[in-house]
Amino acid sequence: MPDNYFARYLPILIHIVLAGGIAGAIVTLSWLIGQRKPTRAKLAPYECGMTPVGDSRQRFSVKFYLVAMLFILFDVEAVFLYPWAVILRDLKAAGQGRFGLAEMMIYIAIVLVGFFYIWKKGALEWGKAEPGDL
């Protein structure tokens, strides 16, 4: 073991300094050497190879944001399934397998109640918006 505690972190420090130096050198060299010839085509907004149509500052329906928030919500809830799956074998070995399974079934039931609620409210519908919708 080294005498100095911080000597163990010297390779990490060298790596960070070296990576930062290389990245900075590449950015600086591309700025110094690179050609700057702005053309109308280069200054136009790029949208997946298609010619842009309309104003880029138009309003979007709230449904886009609602679906994004619901995706994040259910994605985070699905992440909680992984730790349970990892310890399930240990729960079975400790004689707590049925308890662990029942616990997860309750959790999934709660998630499904939320899913069916938003489905019933029409939050996942992509059709034309009717008056009085979300």
C-alpha atoms as a PDB file:
ATOM      1  CA  MET A   1       0.000   0.000   0.000  1.00  0.00           C
ATOM      2  CA  PRO A   2       1.440   3.401  -0.914  1.00  0.00           C
ATOM      3  CA  ASP A   3       2.509   5.690   1.885  1.00  0.00           C
ATOM      4  CA  ASN A   4       0.456   8.553   0.506  1.00  0.00           C
ATOM      5  CA  TYR A   5      -3.320   7.944   0.376  1.00  0.00           C
ATOM      6  CA  PHE A   6      -3.795  10.169  -2.679  1.00  0.00           C
ATOM      7  CA  ALA A   7      -1.085   8.352  -4.665  1.00  0.00           C
ATOM      8  CA  ARG A   8      -3.687   5.681  -5.489  1.00  0.00           C
ATOM      9  CA  TYR A   9      -5.717   8.282  -7.365  1.00  0.00           C
ATOM     10  CA  LEU A  10      -2.796   9.519  -9.480  1.00  0.00           C
ATOM     11  CA  PRO A  11      -3.605   7.234 -12.470  1.00  0.00           C
ATOM     12  CA  ILE A  12      -7.197   8.502 -12.501  1.00  0.00           C
ATOM     13  CA  LEU A  13      -5.996  12.109 -12.365  1.00  0.00           C
ATOM     14  CA  ILE A  14      -3.572  11.472 -15.222  1.00  0.00           C
ATOM     15  CA  HIS A  15      -6.358   9.856 -17.250  1.00  0.00           C
ATOM     16  CA  ILE A  16      -8.742  12.787 -16.687  1.00  0.00           C
ATOM     17  CA  VAL A  17      -6.080  15.378 -17.553  1.00  0.00           C
ATOM     18  CA  LEU A  18      -5.014  13.458 -20.656  1.00  0.00           C
ATOM     19  CA  ALA A  19      -8.596  12.948 -21.884  1.00  0.00           C
ATOM     20  CA  GLY A  20      -9.456  16.609 -21.241  1.00  0.00           C
ATOM     21  CA  GLY A  21      -6.302  17.762 -22.995  1.00  0.00           C
ATOM     22  CA  ILE A  22      -6.961  15.621 -26.068  1.00  0.00           C
ATOM     23  CA  ALA A  23     -10.604  16.742 -26.246  1.00  0.00           C
ATOM     24  CA  GLY A  24      -9.614  20.389 -25.855  1.00  0.00           C
ATOM     25  CA  ALA A  25      -6.898  20.055 -28.504  1.00  0.00           C
ATOM     26  CA  ILE A  26      -9.298  18.482 -30.997  1.00  0.00           C
ATOM     27  CA  VAL A  27     -11.925  21.187 -30.481  1.00  0.00           C
ATOM     28  CA  THR A  28      -9.338  23.974 -30.678  1.00  0.00           C
ATOM     29  CA  LEU A  29      -7.710  22.567 -33.812  1.00  0.00           C
ATOM     30  CA  SER A  30     -11.034  22.111 -35.574  1.00  0.00           C
ATOM     31  CA  TRP A  31     -11.921  25.707 -34.744  1.00  0.00           C
ATOM     32  CA  LEU A  32      -8.549  27.027 -35.982  1.00  0.00           C
ATOM     33  CA  ILE A  33      -8.128  24.867 -39.075  1.00  0.00           C
ATOM     34  CA  GLY A  34     -11.741  24.221 -40.083  1.00  0.00           C
ATOM     35  CA  GLN A  35     -13.343  26.008 -43.009  1.00  0.00           C
ATOM     36  CA  ARG A  36     -16.195  28.406 -42.381  1.00  0.00           C
ATOM     37  CA  LYS A  37     -18.254  28.904 -45.516  1.00  0.00           C
ATOM     38  CA  PRO A  38     -21.847  29.441 -44.455  1.00  0.00           C
ATOM     39  CA  THR A  39     -24.300  28.785 -47.252  1.00  0.00           C
ATOM     40  CA  ARG A  40     -28.059  28.936 -47.360  1.00  0.00           C
ATOM     41  CA  ALA A  41     -28.251  25.146 -47.238  1.00  0.00           C
ATOM     42  CA  LYS A  42     -25.955  24.948 -44.199  1.00  0.00           C
ATOM     43  CA  LEU A  43     -27.940  27.561 -42.305  1.00  0.00           C
ATOM     44  CA  ALA A  44     -31.311  25.915 -42.981  1.00  0.00           C
ATOM     45  CA  PRO A  45     -32.806  23.818 -40.189  1.00  0.00           C
ATOM     46  CA  TYR A  46     -32.329  20.093 -40.704  1.00  0.00           C
ATOM     47  CA  GLU A  47     -35.290  17.820 -40.059  1.00  0.00           C
ATOM     48  CA  CYS A  48     -34.431  14.212 -40.877  1.00  0.00           C
ATOM     49  CA  GLY A  49     -33.583  14.941 -44.504  1.00  0.00           C
ATOM     50  CA  MET A  50     -36.958  16.502 -45.228  1.00  0.00           C
ATOM     51  CA  THR A  51     -37.594  20.079 -46.232  1.00  0.00           C
ATOM     52  CA  PRO A  52     -38.918  21.951 -43.188  1.00  0.00           C
ATOM     53  CA  VAL A  53     -42.577  22.916 -43.403  1.00  0.00           C
ATOM     54  CA  GLY A  54     -44.139  25.674 -41.324  1.00  0.00           C
ATOM     55  CA  ASP A  55     -42.816  27.620 -38.388  1.00  0.00           C
ATOM     56  CA  SER A  56     -40.476  25.889 -35.950  1.00  0.00           C
ATOM     57  CA  ARG A  57     -42.059  27.770 -33.063  1.00  0.00           C
ATOM     58  CA  GLN A  58     -45.566  26.389 -33.498  1.00  0.00           C
ATOM     59  CA  ARG A  59     -47.514  25.104 -30.515  1.00  0.00           C
ATOM     60  CA  PHE A  60     -47.729  21.388 -29.886  1.00  0.00           C
ATOM     61  CA  SER A  61     -50.643  19.564 -28.373  1.00  0.00           C
ATOM     62  CA  VAL A  62     -50.442  18.821 -24.680  1.00  0.00           C
ATOM     63  CA  LYS A  63     -50.832  15.145 -25.581  1.00  0.00           C
ATOM     64  CA  PHE A  64     -47.182  14.989 -26.709  1.00  0.00           C
ATOM     65  CA  TYR A  65     -45.991  16.084 -23.282  1.00  0.00           C
ATOM     66  CA  LEU A  66     -48.560  13.924 -21.511  1.00  0.00           C
ATOM     67  CA  VAL A  67     -47.413  10.812 -23.345  1.00  0.00           C
ATOM     68  CA  ALA A  68     -43.773  11.684 -22.587  1.00  0.00           C
ATOM     69  CA  MET A  69     -44.536  12.060 -18.876  1.00  0.00           C
ATOM     70  CA  LEU A  70     -46.509   8.809 -18.840  1.00  0.00           C
ATOM     71  CA  PHE A  71     -43.645   7.011 -20.572  1.00  0.00           C
ATOM     72  CA  ILE A  72     -41.204   8.255 -17.946  1.00  0.00           C
ATOM     73  CA  LEU A  73     -43.591   7.307 -15.146  1.00  0.00           C
ATOM     74  CA  PHE A  74     -44.128   3.736 -16.340  1.00  0.00           C
ATOM     75  CA  ASP A  75     -40.473   3.378 -17.304  1.00  0.00           C
ATOM     76  CA  VAL A  76     -39.391   4.259 -13.777  1.00  0.00           C
ATOM     77  CA  GLU A  77     -41.960   1.854 -12.370  1.00  0.00           C
ATOM     78  CA  ALA A  78     -40.604  -0.896 -14.616  1.00  0.00           C
ATOM     79  CA  VAL A  79     -37.090  -0.229 -13.297  1.00  0.00           C
ATOM     80  CA  PHE A  80     -38.269  -1.370  -9.863  1.00  0.00           C
ATOM     81  CA  LEU A  81     -38.887  -4.851 -11.288  1.00  0.00           C
ATOM     82  CA  TYR A  82     -35.161  -5.480 -11.837  1.00  0.00           C
ATOM     83  CA  PRO A  83     -33.991  -5.425  -8.191  1.00  0.00           C
ATOM     84  CA  TRP A  84     -36.848  -7.762  -7.316  1.00  0.00           C
ATOM     85  CA  ALA A  85     -35.855 -10.159 -10.104  1.00  0.00           C
ATOM     86  CA  VAL A  86     -32.253 -10.122  -8.879  1.00  0.00           C
ATOM     87  CA  ILE A  87     -33.119 -11.052  -5.285  1.00  0.00           C
ATOM     88  CA  LEU A  88     -35.945 -13.490  -6.107  1.00  0.00           C
ATOM     89  CA  ARG A  89     -33.622 -16.507  -5.982  1.00  0.00           C
ATOM     90  CA  ASP A  90     -32.313 -15.367  -2.581  1.00  0.00           C
ATOM     91  CA  LEU A  91     -35.880 -14.945  -1.355  1.00  0.00           C
ATOM     92  CA  LYS A  92     -36.701 -18.501  -2.429  1.00  0.00           C
ATOM     93  CA  ALA A  93     -33.599 -19.822  -0.663  1.00  0.00           C
ATOM     94  CA  ALA A  94     -34.594 -17.994   2.534  1.00  0.00           C
ATOM     95  CA  GLY A  95     -38.119 -19.401   2.412  1.00  0.00           C
ATOM     96  CA  GLN A  96     -39.648 -16.021   1.517  1.00  0.00           C
ATOM     97  CA  GLY A  97     -40.392 -16.811  -2.139  1.00  0.00           C
ATOM     98  CA  ARG A  98     -44.173 -16.660  -1.798  1.00  0.00           C
ATOM     99  CA  PHE A  99     -43.979 -13.409   0.115  1.00  0.00           C
ATOM    100  CA  GLY A 100     -41.735 -11.865  -2.544  1.00  0.00           C
ATOM    101  CA  LEU A 101     -44.041 -13.030  -5.323  1.00  0.00           C
ATOM    102  CA  ALA A 102     -47.150 -11.717  -3.549  1.00  0.00           C
ATOM    103  CA  GLU A 103     -45.411  -8.404  -2.895  1.00  0.00           C
ATOM    104  CA  MET A 104     -44.569  -7.989  -6.584  1.00  0.00           C
ATOM    105  CA  MET A 105     -48.058  -9.001  -7.696  1.00  0.00           C
ATOM    106  CA  ILE A 106     -49.494  -6.244  -5.487  1.00  0.00           C
ATOM    107  CA  TYR A 107     -47.025  -3.761  -6.985  1.00  0.00           C
ATOM    108  CA  ILE A 108     -47.907  -4.804 -10.546  1.00  0.00           C
ATOM    109  CA  ALA A 109     -51.617  -4.582  -9.700  1.00  0.00           C
ATOM    110  CA  ILE A 110     -51.163  -0.992  -8.499  1.00  0.00           C
ATOM    111  CA  VAL A 111     -49.257  -0.104 -11.690  1.00  0.00           C
ATOM    112  CA  LEU A 112     -51.964  -1.732 -13.822  1.00  0.00           C
ATOM    113  CA  VAL A 113     -54.700   0.207 -12.010  1.00  0.00           C
ATOM    114  CA  GLY A 114     -52.873   3.421 -12.963  1.00  0.00           C
ATOM    115  CA  PHE A 115     -52.401   2.214 -16.529  1.00  0.00           C
ATOM    116  CA  PHE A 116     -56.064   1.309 -16.983  1.00  0.00           C
ATOM    117  CA  TYR A 117     -57.076   4.637 -15.452  1.00  0.00           C
ATOM    118  CA  ILE A 118     -55.079   6.662 -17.983  1.00  0.00           C
ATOM    119  CA  TRP A 119     -56.280   4.378 -20.753  1.00  0.00           C
ATOM    120  CA  LYS A 120     -59.921   4.944 -19.722  1.00  0.00           C
ATOM    121  CA  LYS A 121     -59.350   8.730 -19.552  1.00  0.00           C
ATOM    122  CA  GLY A 122     -58.097   8.628 -23.178  1.00  0.00           C
ATOM    123  CA  ALA A 123     -54.588   9.857 -22.455  1.00  0.00           C
ATOM    124  CA  LEU A 124     -53.133   7.346 -24.919  1.00  0.00           C
ATOM    125  CA  GLU A 125     -55.459   8.176 -27.818  1.00  0.00           C
ATOM    126  CA  TRP A 126     -53.813   9.846 -30.824  1.00  0.00           C
ATOM    127  CA  GLY A 127     -56.965  10.701 -32.771  1.00  0.00           C
ATOM    128  CA  LYS A 128     -58.431  14.150 -33.333  1.00  0.00           C
ATOM    129  CA  ALA A 129     -58.942  16.059 -30.117  1.00  0.00           C
ATOM    130  CA  GLU A 130     -62.565  16.450 -29.142  1.00  0.00           C
ATOM    131  CA  PRO A 131     -63.844  19.415 -27.133  1.00  0.00           C
ATOM    132  CA  GLY A 132     -63.524  18.610 -23.451  1.00  0.00           C
ATOM    133  CA  ASP A 133     -60.566  16.228 -23.860  1.00  0.00           C
ATOM    134  CA  LEU A 134     -57.471  16.512 -21.730  1.00  0.00           C
END
